[in-house]
Amino acid sequence: MARLSGLARELVFSRGELIFQEGETADGFYIVGKGKIKVFKLSFDGKEQILHIYGPGKTFGEVPVFQGTQFPAAAMALESSTILFIPRKAFVDLITDSPTLAMGMLAELSRRLRGFTVQIENLSLKEVPARMAGYLLTLAREAEALTGRPPDRVTLPISKAQLANLIGTTPETISRILKKMAGTGLIRVETKDIILEDPQGLAEVAEAGKL
């Protein structure tokens, strides 16, 4: 960690500021220190698809670093953020001398690959209610990993518009689904806080796809 911190350069980004654009040469990767980052792609007609939302402690932009190619997507600060930048060449030299660090990166990239697999499955094979339920359960699992116990509530970390973009629907549909989930006793909505009244029921919706 001491050697890694010696490589890092601290960067500060304002809300809405681009960190890198799709197609830029990947000369390093990033770690979120404070704030929130979205990784996204734009279609030719300007439609945005959010791929990931990252908070403190999460790395991003690391895959092309190992290939020595360009970033396949863009990254932007969703709020005022402090980010650590790790230069590619110095990091490659470091992992060459540190098998433990190399294994840690492989484990993280494997988790990222599994996450992409689930995301593709959700967007292509599952109905919107299943995607919404799956997202809430993902937030719950992340909270449990931090606290060591299943949470009774989660907080939406992004706006409904951004959430709609992430799971491939519209903000109006998000509102309707949350209302229907609340009406069937699965959740209770308190602004951005979602109380998980029936986690098992949510898991069934995530699997079956229907409310």
N, C-alpha and C. Protein backbone atom coordinates (compact mmCIF):
# COMPACT_ATOMS: atom_id res chain seq x y z
N MET A 1 0.83 -1.21 0.00
CA MET A 1 0.00 0.00 0.00
C MET A 1 0.86 1.26 0.00
N ALA A 2 1.98 1.20 0.74
CA ALA A 2 2.88 2.36 0.78
C ALA A 2 3.47 2.63 -0.60
N ARG A 3 3.88 1.56 -1.29
CA ARG A 3 4.44 1.74 -2.63
C ARG A 3 3.37 2.24 -3.60
N LEU A 4 2.16 1.71 -3.47
CA LEU A 4 1.07 2.14 -4.36
C LEU A 4 0.72 3.60 -4.12
N SER A 5 0.66 3.99 -2.86
CA SER A 5 0.33 5.39 -2.56
C SER A 5 1.40 6.33 -3.07
N GLY A 6 2.63 5.83 -3.15
CA GLY A 6 3.70 6.66 -3.69
C GLY A 6 3.56 6.95 -5.17
N LEU A 7 2.77 6.10 -5.87
CA LEU A 7 2.55 6.31 -7.31
C LEU A 7 1.39 7.25 -7.58
N ALA A 8 0.49 7.40 -6.59
CA ALA A 8 -0.80 8.06 -6.83
C ALA A 8 -0.65 9.57 -6.93
N ARG A 9 -1.49 10.13 -7.80
CA ARG A 9 -1.60 11.59 -7.91
C ARG A 9 -3.05 11.98 -7.67
N GLU A 10 -3.29 12.91 -6.77
CA GLU A 10 -4.65 13.30 -6.42
C GLU A 10 -5.21 14.31 -7.42
N LEU A 11 -6.43 14.04 -7.88
CA LEU A 11 -7.11 14.92 -8.84
C LEU A 11 -8.46 15.29 -8.26
N VAL A 12 -8.92 16.50 -8.56
CA VAL A 12 -10.22 16.97 -8.10
C VAL A 12 -11.07 17.34 -9.32
N PHE A 13 -12.31 16.85 -9.34
CA PHE A 13 -13.22 17.11 -10.45
C PHE A 13 -14.52 17.71 -9.92
N SER A 14 -15.04 18.69 -10.65
CA SER A 14 -16.33 19.28 -10.30
C SER A 14 -17.46 18.43 -10.86
N ARG A 15 -18.66 18.65 -10.35
CA ARG A 15 -19.84 17.94 -10.87
C ARG A 15 -19.99 18.20 -12.36
N GLY A 16 -20.17 17.12 -13.13
CA GLY A 16 -20.36 17.23 -14.57
C GLY A 16 -19.08 17.30 -15.37
N GLU A 17 -17.92 17.25 -14.70
CA GLU A 17 -16.65 17.36 -15.42
C GLU A 17 -16.20 15.99 -15.91
N LEU A 18 -15.75 15.92 -17.17
CA LEU A 18 -15.26 14.68 -17.74
C LEU A 18 -13.90 14.31 -17.16
N ILE A 19 -13.74 13.04 -16.84
CA ILE A 19 -12.46 12.53 -16.36
C ILE A 19 -11.66 11.99 -17.54
N PHE A 20 -12.31 11.25 -18.39
CA PHE A 20 -11.72 10.85 -19.68
C PHE A 20 -12.85 10.58 -20.66
N GLN A 21 -12.52 10.62 -21.94
CA GLN A 21 -13.50 10.37 -22.99
C GLN A 21 -13.22 9.04 -23.67
N GLU A 22 -14.26 8.47 -24.23
CA GLU A 22 -14.10 7.24 -24.99
C GLU A 22 -13.10 7.47 -26.12
N GLY A 23 -12.16 6.54 -26.30
CA GLY A 23 -11.17 6.64 -27.36
C GLY A 23 -9.86 7.27 -26.93
N GLU A 24 -9.82 7.91 -25.75
CA GLU A 24 -8.56 8.46 -25.26
C GLU A 24 -7.60 7.34 -24.88
N THR A 25 -6.31 7.59 -25.06
CA THR A 25 -5.31 6.60 -24.67
C THR A 25 -5.32 6.40 -23.16
N ALA A 26 -5.32 5.14 -22.75
CA ALA A 26 -5.36 4.82 -21.32
C ALA A 26 -3.94 4.81 -20.77
N ASP A 27 -3.53 5.91 -20.17
CA ASP A 27 -2.17 6.00 -19.62
C ASP A 27 -2.15 5.77 -18.11
N GLY A 28 -3.28 5.28 -17.56
CA GLY A 28 -3.36 4.99 -16.14
C GLY A 28 -4.79 4.66 -15.76
N PHE A 29 -5.00 4.32 -14.50
CA PHE A 29 -6.35 4.06 -14.03
C PHE A 29 -6.62 4.89 -12.78
N TYR A 30 -7.84 4.77 -12.25
CA TYR A 30 -8.30 5.70 -11.22
C TYR A 30 -8.93 4.97 -10.04
N ILE A 31 -8.86 5.61 -8.88
CA ILE A 31 -9.53 5.13 -7.67
C ILE A 31 -10.33 6.29 -7.10
N VAL A 32 -11.60 6.04 -6.83
CA VAL A 32 -12.45 7.09 -6.25
C VAL A 32 -12.09 7.28 -4.78
N GLY A 33 -11.71 8.49 -4.41
CA GLY A 33 -11.43 8.79 -3.01
C GLY A 33 -12.67 9.35 -2.32
N LYS A 34 -13.32 10.29 -3.00
CA LYS A 34 -14.54 10.91 -2.47
C LYS A 34 -15.41 11.31 -3.64
N GLY A 35 -16.72 11.13 -3.48
CA GLY A 35 -17.64 11.52 -4.54
C GLY A 35 -18.24 10.34 -5.26
N LYS A 36 -18.69 10.59 -6.49
CA LYS A 36 -19.40 9.57 -7.26
C LYS A 36 -19.09 9.77 -8.74
N ILE A 37 -18.80 8.67 -9.43
CA ILE A 37 -18.38 8.69 -10.84
C ILE A 37 -19.31 7.81 -11.66
N LYS A 38 -19.67 8.28 -12.85
CA LYS A 38 -20.39 7.38 -13.78
C LYS A 38 -19.49 7.08 -14.97
N VAL A 39 -19.55 5.83 -15.39
CA VAL A 39 -18.88 5.38 -16.62
C VAL A 39 -19.98 5.10 -17.62
N PHE A 40 -19.87 5.67 -18.82
CA PHE A 40 -20.98 5.61 -19.76
C PHE A 40 -20.50 5.61 -21.20
N LYS A 41 -21.41 5.25 -22.10
CA LYS A 41 -21.18 5.32 -23.53
C LYS A 41 -22.28 6.17 -24.16
N LEU A 42 -21.94 6.82 -25.27
CA LEU A 42 -22.91 7.59 -26.04
C LEU A 42 -23.08 6.97 -27.41
N SER A 43 -24.33 6.87 -27.87
CA SER A 43 -24.60 6.39 -29.22
C SER A 43 -24.36 7.53 -30.21
N PHE A 44 -24.43 7.20 -31.50
CA PHE A 44 -24.22 8.22 -32.52
C PHE A 44 -25.27 9.32 -32.45
N ASP A 45 -26.48 8.97 -31.97
CA ASP A 45 -27.53 9.98 -31.89
C ASP A 45 -27.56 10.67 -30.52
N GLY A 46 -26.53 10.43 -29.71
CA GLY A 46 -26.42 11.14 -28.44
C GLY A 46 -27.09 10.48 -27.25
N LYS A 47 -27.65 9.27 -27.43
CA LYS A 47 -28.29 8.58 -26.32
C LYS A 47 -27.23 8.01 -25.39
N GLU A 48 -27.43 8.22 -24.08
CA GLU A 48 -26.45 7.79 -23.10
C GLU A 48 -26.86 6.46 -22.46
N GLN A 49 -25.88 5.58 -22.30
CA GLN A 49 -26.09 4.33 -21.55
C GLN A 49 -25.07 4.29 -20.43
N ILE A 50 -25.55 4.36 -19.18
CA ILE A 50 -24.65 4.26 -18.03
C ILE A 50 -24.26 2.80 -17.85
N LEU A 51 -22.95 2.56 -17.73
CA LEU A 51 -22.45 1.21 -17.51
C LEU A 51 -22.21 0.92 -16.03
N HIS A 52 -21.68 1.92 -15.31
CA HIS A 52 -21.38 1.74 -13.90
C HIS A 52 -21.52 3.06 -13.17
N ILE A 53 -21.81 2.96 -11.87
CA ILE A 53 -21.72 4.09 -10.95
C ILE A 53 -20.76 3.67 -9.86
N TYR A 54 -19.70 4.44 -9.64
CA TYR A 54 -18.69 4.08 -8.65
C TYR A 54 -18.59 5.12 -7.55
N GLY A 55 -18.46 4.63 -6.31
CA GLY A 55 -18.27 5.50 -5.15
C GLY A 55 -16.90 5.30 -4.54
N PRO A 56 -16.66 5.84 -3.36
CA PRO A 56 -15.34 5.78 -2.72
C PRO A 56 -14.79 4.36 -2.59
N GLY A 57 -13.52 4.21 -2.91
CA GLY A 57 -12.84 2.93 -2.80
C GLY A 57 -12.87 2.10 -4.07
N LYS A 58 -13.68 2.49 -5.05
CA LYS A 58 -13.81 1.71 -6.28
C LYS A 58 -12.79 2.17 -7.32
N THR A 59 -12.27 1.21 -8.07
CA THR A 59 -11.36 1.52 -9.17
C THR A 59 -12.14 1.56 -10.48
N PHE A 60 -11.63 2.31 -11.45
CA PHE A 60 -12.23 2.31 -12.78
C PHE A 60 -11.18 2.69 -13.81
N GLY A 61 -11.43 2.29 -15.05
CA GLY A 61 -10.50 2.59 -16.13
C GLY A 61 -9.29 1.69 -16.16
N GLU A 62 -9.34 0.54 -15.43
CA GLU A 62 -8.14 -0.27 -15.33
C GLU A 62 -7.98 -1.29 -16.45
N VAL A 63 -9.08 -1.71 -17.09
CA VAL A 63 -8.97 -2.77 -18.09
C VAL A 63 -8.06 -2.39 -19.26
N PRO A 64 -8.26 -1.24 -19.91
CA PRO A 64 -7.37 -0.91 -21.04
C PRO A 64 -5.93 -0.66 -20.61
N VAL A 65 -5.69 -0.40 -19.34
CA VAL A 65 -4.32 -0.19 -18.87
C VAL A 65 -3.46 -1.42 -19.15
N PHE A 66 -4.05 -2.61 -18.98
CA PHE A 66 -3.30 -3.84 -19.21
C PHE A 66 -3.16 -4.14 -20.70
N GLN A 67 -4.07 -3.63 -21.50
CA GLN A 67 -3.99 -3.84 -22.95
C GLN A 67 -3.14 -2.78 -23.63
N GLY A 68 -2.95 -1.65 -22.99
CA GLY A 68 -2.22 -0.56 -23.61
C GLY A 68 -3.00 0.08 -24.73
N THR A 69 -4.34 0.15 -24.61
CA THR A 69 -5.17 0.70 -25.67
C THR A 69 -5.97 1.89 -25.15
N GLN A 70 -7.08 2.18 -25.83
CA GLN A 70 -7.89 3.34 -25.48
C GLN A 70 -9.02 2.96 -24.52
N PHE A 71 -9.52 3.98 -23.82
CA PHE A 71 -10.67 3.75 -22.96
C PHE A 71 -11.89 3.41 -23.83
N PRO A 72 -12.63 2.34 -23.52
CA PRO A 72 -13.78 1.95 -24.33
C PRO A 72 -15.05 2.72 -23.98
N ALA A 73 -14.99 3.57 -22.95
CA ALA A 73 -16.14 4.36 -22.52
C ALA A 73 -15.63 5.65 -21.91
N ALA A 74 -16.56 6.54 -21.55
CA ALA A 74 -16.20 7.82 -20.93
C ALA A 74 -16.52 7.77 -19.44
N ALA A 75 -15.91 8.68 -18.67
CA ALA A 75 -16.18 8.77 -17.24
C ALA A 75 -16.39 10.23 -16.86
N MET A 76 -17.37 10.47 -15.97
CA MET A 76 -17.72 11.83 -15.56
C MET A 76 -18.04 11.85 -14.07
N ALA A 77 -17.71 12.95 -13.41
CA ALA A 77 -18.04 13.12 -12.00
C ALA A 77 -19.51 13.50 -11.87
N LEU A 78 -20.25 12.74 -11.04
CA LEU A 78 -21.65 13.05 -10.79
C LEU A 78 -21.80 14.09 -9.69
N GLU A 79 -20.73 14.27 -8.93
CA GLU A 79 -20.70 15.29 -7.88
C GLU A 79 -19.24 15.67 -7.67
N SER A 80 -19.00 16.69 -6.89
CA SER A 80 -17.62 17.08 -6.61
C SER A 80 -16.86 15.88 -6.07
N SER A 81 -15.75 15.51 -6.73
CA SER A 81 -15.08 14.25 -6.42
C SER A 81 -13.56 14.42 -6.35
N THR A 82 -12.96 13.64 -5.47
CA THR A 82 -11.51 13.54 -5.37
C THR A 82 -11.11 12.14 -5.82
N ILE A 83 -10.17 12.07 -6.75
CA ILE A 83 -9.81 10.80 -7.39
C ILE A 83 -8.30 10.63 -7.38
N LEU A 84 -7.85 9.39 -7.19
CA LEU A 84 -6.43 9.09 -7.28
C LEU A 84 -6.14 8.52 -8.66
N PHE A 85 -5.09 9.04 -9.30
CA PHE A 85 -4.66 8.56 -10.62
C PHE A 85 -3.39 7.75 -10.45
N ILE A 86 -3.38 6.52 -11.00
CA ILE A 86 -2.21 5.63 -10.93
C ILE A 86 -1.66 5.47 -12.35
N PRO A 87 -0.45 5.96 -12.63
CA PRO A 87 0.12 5.85 -13.99
C PRO A 87 0.33 4.40 -14.40
N ARG A 88 0.07 4.11 -15.66
CA ARG A 88 0.13 2.75 -16.18
C ARG A 88 1.51 2.11 -16.02
N LYS A 89 2.56 2.75 -16.54
CA LYS A 89 3.87 2.12 -16.57
C LYS A 89 4.37 1.81 -15.15
N ALA A 90 4.23 2.78 -14.25
CA ALA A 90 4.70 2.56 -12.88
C ALA A 90 3.92 1.44 -12.20
N PHE A 91 2.62 1.35 -12.50
CA PHE A 91 1.80 0.31 -11.88
C PHE A 91 2.17 -1.06 -12.42
N VAL A 92 2.38 -1.16 -13.73
CA VAL A 92 2.78 -2.45 -14.32
C VAL A 92 4.10 -2.91 -13.72
N ASP A 93 5.04 -1.99 -13.53
CA ASP A 93 6.31 -2.34 -12.89
C ASP A 93 6.08 -2.85 -11.47
N LEU A 94 5.13 -2.22 -10.77
CA LEU A 94 4.87 -2.61 -9.38
C LEU A 94 4.25 -3.99 -9.29
N ILE A 95 3.26 -4.31 -10.12
CA ILE A 95 2.62 -5.63 -10.02
C ILE A 95 3.55 -6.73 -10.51
N THR A 96 4.53 -6.38 -11.34
CA THR A 96 5.52 -7.37 -11.74
C THR A 96 6.30 -7.87 -10.53
N ASP A 97 6.52 -6.98 -9.57
CA ASP A 97 7.27 -7.33 -8.36
C ASP A 97 6.37 -7.76 -7.21
N SER A 98 5.02 -7.70 -7.40
CA SER A 98 4.11 -7.98 -6.29
C SER A 98 3.00 -8.92 -6.75
N PRO A 99 3.23 -10.24 -6.64
CA PRO A 99 2.18 -11.20 -7.04
C PRO A 99 0.87 -11.01 -6.28
N THR A 100 0.95 -10.59 -5.00
CA THR A 100 -0.27 -10.39 -4.21
C THR A 100 -1.13 -9.29 -4.82
N LEU A 101 -0.50 -8.19 -5.21
CA LEU A 101 -1.22 -7.09 -5.84
C LEU A 101 -1.80 -7.52 -7.18
N ALA A 102 -1.03 -8.30 -7.94
CA ALA A 102 -1.51 -8.79 -9.23
C ALA A 102 -2.74 -9.67 -9.05
N MET A 103 -2.72 -10.55 -8.05
CA MET A 103 -3.87 -11.41 -7.79
C MET A 103 -5.08 -10.60 -7.35
N GLY A 104 -4.84 -9.55 -6.57
CA GLY A 104 -5.94 -8.67 -6.16
C GLY A 104 -6.60 -8.00 -7.36
N MET A 105 -5.78 -7.54 -8.31
CA MET A 105 -6.34 -6.92 -9.51
C MET A 105 -7.11 -7.93 -10.34
N LEU A 106 -6.59 -9.15 -10.46
CA LEU A 106 -7.30 -10.19 -11.21
C LEU A 106 -8.64 -10.51 -10.56
N ALA A 107 -8.66 -10.54 -9.23
CA ALA A 107 -9.92 -10.82 -8.53
C ALA A 107 -10.93 -9.71 -8.79
N GLU A 108 -10.48 -8.45 -8.77
CA GLU A 108 -11.38 -7.32 -9.01
C GLU A 108 -11.90 -7.34 -10.44
N LEU A 109 -11.03 -7.63 -11.41
CA LEU A 109 -11.46 -7.69 -12.80
C LEU A 109 -12.43 -8.85 -13.02
N SER A 110 -12.24 -9.95 -12.30
CA SER A 110 -13.18 -11.08 -12.39
C SER A 110 -14.54 -10.68 -11.85
N ARG A 111 -14.57 -9.96 -10.73
CA ARG A 111 -15.85 -9.49 -10.18
C ARG A 111 -16.53 -8.55 -11.17
N ARG A 112 -15.72 -7.70 -11.81
CA ARG A 112 -16.27 -6.75 -12.79
C ARG A 112 -16.88 -7.51 -13.97
N LEU A 113 -16.21 -8.56 -14.41
CA LEU A 113 -16.71 -9.36 -15.53
C LEU A 113 -18.03 -10.03 -15.18
N ARG A 114 -18.11 -10.57 -13.95
CA ARG A 114 -19.37 -11.17 -13.52
C ARG A 114 -20.48 -10.13 -13.48
N GLY A 115 -20.14 -8.93 -13.01
CA GLY A 115 -21.13 -7.87 -12.98
C GLY A 115 -21.64 -7.51 -14.36
N PHE A 116 -20.74 -7.47 -15.34
CA PHE A 116 -21.15 -7.19 -16.72
C PHE A 116 -22.06 -8.29 -17.25
N THR A 117 -21.76 -9.53 -16.91
CA THR A 117 -22.58 -10.64 -17.35
C THR A 117 -24.00 -10.51 -16.83
N VAL A 118 -24.13 -10.18 -15.54
CA VAL A 118 -25.46 -9.98 -14.95
C VAL A 118 -26.17 -8.80 -15.61
N GLN A 119 -25.43 -7.72 -15.85
CA GLN A 119 -26.03 -6.54 -16.46
C GLN A 119 -26.56 -6.84 -17.86
N ILE A 120 -25.78 -7.57 -18.64
CA ILE A 120 -26.22 -7.93 -19.99
C ILE A 120 -27.45 -8.82 -19.94
N GLU A 121 -27.44 -9.78 -19.00
CA GLU A 121 -28.60 -10.66 -18.84
C GLU A 121 -29.84 -9.86 -18.47
N ASN A 122 -29.68 -8.93 -17.54
CA ASN A 122 -30.83 -8.13 -17.11
C ASN A 122 -31.39 -7.29 -18.24
N LEU A 123 -30.51 -6.64 -19.00
CA LEU A 123 -30.96 -5.73 -20.04
C LEU A 123 -31.56 -6.46 -21.23
N SER A 124 -31.08 -7.66 -21.50
CA SER A 124 -31.52 -8.35 -22.70
C SER A 124 -32.60 -9.40 -22.45
N LEU A 125 -32.63 -9.98 -21.25
CA LEU A 125 -33.52 -11.11 -21.02
C LEU A 125 -34.61 -10.85 -19.99
N LYS A 126 -34.44 -9.87 -19.11
CA LYS A 126 -35.39 -9.69 -18.01
C LYS A 126 -36.26 -8.46 -18.19
N GLU A 127 -37.47 -8.54 -17.64
CA GLU A 127 -38.38 -7.41 -17.68
C GLU A 127 -37.90 -6.34 -16.70
N VAL A 128 -38.44 -5.11 -16.89
CA VAL A 128 -37.99 -3.98 -16.07
C VAL A 128 -38.19 -4.21 -14.57
N PRO A 129 -39.33 -4.78 -14.11
CA PRO A 129 -39.46 -5.02 -12.66
C PRO A 129 -38.34 -5.90 -12.10
N ALA A 130 -37.91 -6.91 -12.88
CA ALA A 130 -36.82 -7.77 -12.43
C ALA A 130 -35.52 -6.99 -12.34
N ARG A 131 -35.29 -6.10 -13.29
CA ARG A 131 -34.06 -5.28 -13.24
C ARG A 131 -34.07 -4.37 -12.02
N MET A 132 -35.24 -3.78 -11.72
CA MET A 132 -35.35 -2.88 -10.59
C MET A 132 -35.13 -3.64 -9.29
N ALA A 133 -35.77 -4.80 -9.16
CA ALA A 133 -35.61 -5.62 -7.95
C ALA A 133 -34.15 -6.06 -7.80
N GLY A 134 -33.54 -6.44 -8.91
CA GLY A 134 -32.15 -6.86 -8.87
C GLY A 134 -31.23 -5.74 -8.45
N TYR A 135 -31.53 -4.52 -8.88
CA TYR A 135 -30.70 -3.38 -8.50
C TYR A 135 -30.81 -3.11 -7.01
N LEU A 136 -32.02 -3.16 -6.47
CA LEU A 136 -32.21 -2.94 -5.03
C LEU A 136 -31.48 -4.02 -4.21
N LEU A 137 -31.52 -5.25 -4.69
CA LEU A 137 -30.82 -6.32 -3.98
C LEU A 137 -29.31 -6.16 -4.07
N THR A 138 -28.83 -5.63 -5.19
CA THR A 138 -27.40 -5.35 -5.33
C THR A 138 -26.96 -4.30 -4.32
N LEU A 139 -27.76 -3.23 -4.18
CA LEU A 139 -27.46 -2.21 -3.16
C LEU A 139 -27.43 -2.84 -1.76
N ALA A 140 -28.37 -3.75 -1.51
CA ALA A 140 -28.42 -4.40 -0.19
C ALA A 140 -27.18 -5.25 0.04
N ARG A 141 -26.73 -5.98 -0.99
CA ARG A 141 -25.53 -6.81 -0.84
C ARG A 141 -24.29 -5.94 -0.59
N GLU A 142 -24.21 -4.81 -1.29
CA GLU A 142 -23.07 -3.91 -1.08
C GLU A 142 -23.08 -3.35 0.35
N ALA A 143 -24.27 -3.00 0.84
CA ALA A 143 -24.37 -2.49 2.21
C ALA A 143 -24.00 -3.57 3.23
N GLU A 144 -24.41 -4.80 2.96
CA GLU A 144 -24.10 -5.91 3.87
C GLU A 144 -22.60 -6.18 3.90
N ALA A 145 -21.93 -6.04 2.73
CA ALA A 145 -20.48 -6.25 2.68
C ALA A 145 -19.75 -5.24 3.55
N LEU A 146 -20.31 -4.03 3.68
CA LEU A 146 -19.67 -3.00 4.48
C LEU A 146 -19.96 -3.16 5.97
N THR A 147 -21.17 -3.59 6.32
CA THR A 147 -21.57 -3.63 7.73
C THR A 147 -21.53 -5.02 8.34
N GLY A 148 -21.57 -6.06 7.49
CA GLY A 148 -21.56 -7.41 8.01
C GLY A 148 -22.94 -7.94 8.36
N ARG A 149 -23.99 -7.17 8.10
CA ARG A 149 -25.35 -7.65 8.40
C ARG A 149 -26.31 -7.17 7.32
N PRO A 150 -27.35 -7.94 7.02
CA PRO A 150 -28.32 -7.54 5.99
C PRO A 150 -29.01 -6.24 6.39
N PRO A 151 -29.09 -5.26 5.50
CA PRO A 151 -29.72 -3.99 5.84
C PRO A 151 -31.24 -4.06 5.75
N ASP A 152 -31.92 -3.21 6.52
CA ASP A 152 -33.37 -3.14 6.39
C ASP A 152 -33.80 -2.03 5.44
N ARG A 153 -32.80 -1.27 4.96
CA ARG A 153 -33.09 -0.22 3.99
C ARG A 153 -31.85 0.06 3.15
N VAL A 154 -32.06 0.61 1.96
CA VAL A 154 -30.97 1.05 1.09
C VAL A 154 -31.29 2.47 0.63
N THR A 155 -30.28 3.17 0.21
CA THR A 155 -30.45 4.53 -0.29
C THR A 155 -30.06 4.57 -1.76
N LEU A 156 -30.96 5.08 -2.60
CA LEU A 156 -30.64 5.21 -4.02
C LEU A 156 -29.50 6.22 -4.17
N PRO A 157 -28.36 5.81 -4.74
CA PRO A 157 -27.21 6.71 -4.82
C PRO A 157 -27.25 7.67 -6.00
N ILE A 158 -28.23 7.50 -6.87
CA ILE A 158 -28.33 8.32 -8.08
C ILE A 158 -29.78 8.75 -8.28
N SER A 159 -29.99 9.70 -9.18
CA SER A 159 -31.34 10.18 -9.46
C SER A 159 -32.15 9.12 -10.22
N LYS A 160 -33.47 9.30 -10.26
CA LYS A 160 -34.31 8.37 -11.01
C LYS A 160 -33.97 8.38 -12.49
N ALA A 161 -33.60 9.54 -13.01
CA ALA A 161 -33.22 9.62 -14.42
C ALA A 161 -31.96 8.80 -14.69
N GLN A 162 -30.98 8.90 -13.80
CA GLN A 162 -29.75 8.12 -13.97
C GLN A 162 -30.01 6.63 -13.74
N LEU A 163 -30.86 6.31 -12.78
CA LEU A 163 -31.20 4.91 -12.54
C LEU A 163 -31.92 4.32 -13.75
N ALA A 164 -32.84 5.09 -14.34
CA ALA A 164 -33.55 4.63 -15.54
C ALA A 164 -32.57 4.34 -16.66
N ASN A 165 -31.58 5.22 -16.82
CA ASN A 165 -30.56 5.02 -17.83
C ASN A 165 -29.76 3.75 -17.56
N LEU A 166 -29.45 3.51 -16.28
CA LEU A 166 -28.63 2.36 -15.90
C LEU A 166 -29.32 1.04 -16.19
N ILE A 167 -30.63 0.96 -15.92
CA ILE A 167 -31.32 -0.33 -16.11
C ILE A 167 -32.14 -0.39 -17.39
N GLY A 168 -32.05 0.66 -18.21
CA GLY A 168 -32.65 0.61 -19.53
C GLY A 168 -34.14 0.84 -19.58
N THR A 169 -34.62 1.92 -18.94
CA THR A 169 -36.04 2.24 -18.98
C THR A 169 -36.20 3.76 -18.88
N THR A 170 -37.38 4.22 -18.42
CA THR A 170 -37.63 5.66 -18.30
C THR A 170 -37.89 6.00 -16.83
N PRO A 171 -37.66 7.29 -16.43
CA PRO A 171 -37.94 7.69 -15.05
C PRO A 171 -39.40 7.45 -14.65
N GLU A 172 -40.33 7.64 -15.59
CA GLU A 172 -41.74 7.43 -15.30
C GLU A 172 -42.01 5.96 -14.96
N THR A 173 -41.36 5.05 -15.69
CA THR A 173 -41.52 3.63 -15.41
C THR A 173 -40.92 3.27 -14.05
N ILE A 174 -39.78 3.87 -13.72
CA ILE A 174 -39.17 3.65 -12.41
C ILE A 174 -40.16 4.02 -11.31
N SER A 175 -40.79 5.19 -11.44
CA SER A 175 -41.75 5.65 -10.43
C SER A 175 -42.92 4.69 -10.32
N ARG A 176 -43.44 4.22 -11.46
CA ARG A 176 -44.57 3.29 -11.44
C ARG A 176 -44.21 1.97 -10.76
N ILE A 177 -43.02 1.46 -11.07
CA ILE A 177 -42.61 0.18 -10.50
C ILE A 177 -42.39 0.30 -9.00
N LEU A 178 -41.75 1.38 -8.54
CA LEU A 178 -41.55 1.58 -7.11
C LEU A 178 -42.90 1.68 -6.38
N LYS A 179 -43.84 2.38 -7.01
CA LYS A 179 -45.17 2.52 -6.41
C LYS A 179 -45.86 1.16 -6.34
N LYS A 180 -45.74 0.35 -7.38
CA LYS A 180 -46.37 -0.96 -7.39
C LYS A 180 -45.70 -1.89 -6.38
N MET A 181 -44.37 -1.82 -6.27
CA MET A 181 -43.66 -2.62 -5.27
C MET A 181 -44.10 -2.25 -3.86
N ALA A 182 -44.30 -0.95 -3.64
CA ALA A 182 -44.77 -0.50 -2.32
C ALA A 182 -46.19 -0.99 -2.07
N GLY A 183 -47.02 -0.97 -3.12
CA GLY A 183 -48.41 -1.41 -2.97
C GLY A 183 -48.55 -2.89 -2.68
N THR A 184 -47.58 -3.69 -3.10
CA THR A 184 -47.64 -5.13 -2.85
C THR A 184 -46.86 -5.53 -1.60
N GLY A 185 -46.34 -4.55 -0.88
CA GLY A 185 -45.68 -4.85 0.40
C GLY A 185 -44.23 -5.27 0.29
N LEU A 186 -43.62 -5.11 -0.89
CA LEU A 186 -42.21 -5.48 -1.04
C LEU A 186 -41.29 -4.45 -0.42
N ILE A 187 -41.64 -3.17 -0.60
CA ILE A 187 -40.79 -2.08 -0.13
C ILE A 187 -41.66 -0.97 0.44
N ARG A 188 -41.00 0.01 1.07
CA ARG A 188 -41.62 1.27 1.42
C ARG A 188 -40.67 2.37 0.99
N VAL A 189 -41.19 3.39 0.33
CA VAL A 189 -40.35 4.45 -0.23
C VAL A 189 -40.41 5.68 0.65
N GLU A 190 -39.23 6.15 1.07
CA GLU A 190 -39.12 7.40 1.82
C GLU A 190 -38.09 8.27 1.11
N THR A 191 -38.55 9.04 0.13
CA THR A 191 -37.68 9.85 -0.73
C THR A 191 -36.67 8.94 -1.42
N LYS A 192 -35.35 9.07 -1.08
CA LYS A 192 -34.34 8.21 -1.71
C LYS A 192 -34.07 6.95 -0.91
N ASP A 193 -34.65 6.86 0.29
CA ASP A 193 -34.49 5.65 1.09
C ASP A 193 -35.57 4.63 0.72
N ILE A 194 -35.14 3.39 0.52
CA ILE A 194 -36.05 2.30 0.20
C ILE A 194 -35.98 1.29 1.33
N ILE A 195 -37.08 1.17 2.08
CA ILE A 195 -37.14 0.19 3.17
C ILE A 195 -37.50 -1.16 2.56
N LEU A 196 -36.69 -2.16 2.84
CA LEU A 196 -36.88 -3.51 2.27
C LEU A 196 -37.81 -4.31 3.17
N GLU A 197 -39.09 -4.26 2.88
CA GLU A 197 -40.09 -4.95 3.69
C GLU A 197 -40.07 -6.46 3.46
N ASP A 198 -39.78 -6.88 2.24
CA ASP A 198 -39.84 -8.31 1.90
C ASP A 198 -38.69 -8.65 0.94
N PRO A 199 -37.46 -8.81 1.46
CA PRO A 199 -36.32 -9.13 0.59
C PRO A 199 -36.50 -10.41 -0.20
N GLN A 200 -37.12 -11.42 0.40
CA GLN A 200 -37.34 -12.67 -0.31
C GLN A 200 -38.29 -12.46 -1.49
N GLY A 201 -39.32 -11.64 -1.27
CA GLY A 201 -40.22 -11.32 -2.37
C GLY A 201 -39.53 -10.58 -3.49
N LEU A 202 -38.61 -9.67 -3.13
CA LEU A 202 -37.84 -8.95 -4.14
C LEU A 202 -36.97 -9.94 -4.94
N ALA A 203 -36.38 -10.90 -4.25
CA ALA A 203 -35.56 -11.90 -4.93
C ALA A 203 -36.40 -12.69 -5.93
N GLU A 204 -37.64 -12.99 -5.56
CA GLU A 204 -38.51 -13.72 -6.47
C GLU A 204 -38.87 -12.89 -7.69
N VAL A 205 -39.10 -11.57 -7.49
CA VAL A 205 -39.38 -10.69 -8.63
C VAL A 205 -38.15 -10.60 -9.51
N ALA A 206 -36.96 -10.50 -8.91
CA ALA A 206 -35.72 -10.40 -9.68
C ALA A 206 -35.51 -11.64 -10.55
N GLU A 207 -35.99 -12.78 -10.06
CA GLU A 207 -35.84 -14.02 -10.82
C GLU A 207 -36.97 -14.20 -11.82
N ALA A 208 -38.21 -13.97 -11.40
CA ALA A 208 -39.37 -14.24 -12.26
C ALA A 208 -39.65 -13.10 -13.22
N GLY A 209 -39.37 -11.87 -12.78
CA GLY A 209 -39.52 -10.73 -13.67
C GLY A 209 -40.87 -10.06 -13.64
N LYS A 210 -41.80 -10.53 -12.81
CA LYS A 210 -43.14 -9.94 -12.79
C LYS A 210 -43.54 -9.60 -11.37
N LEU A 211 -44.34 -8.51 -11.25
CA LEU A 211 -44.87 -8.11 -9.95
C LEU A 211 -46.26 -8.70 -9.76
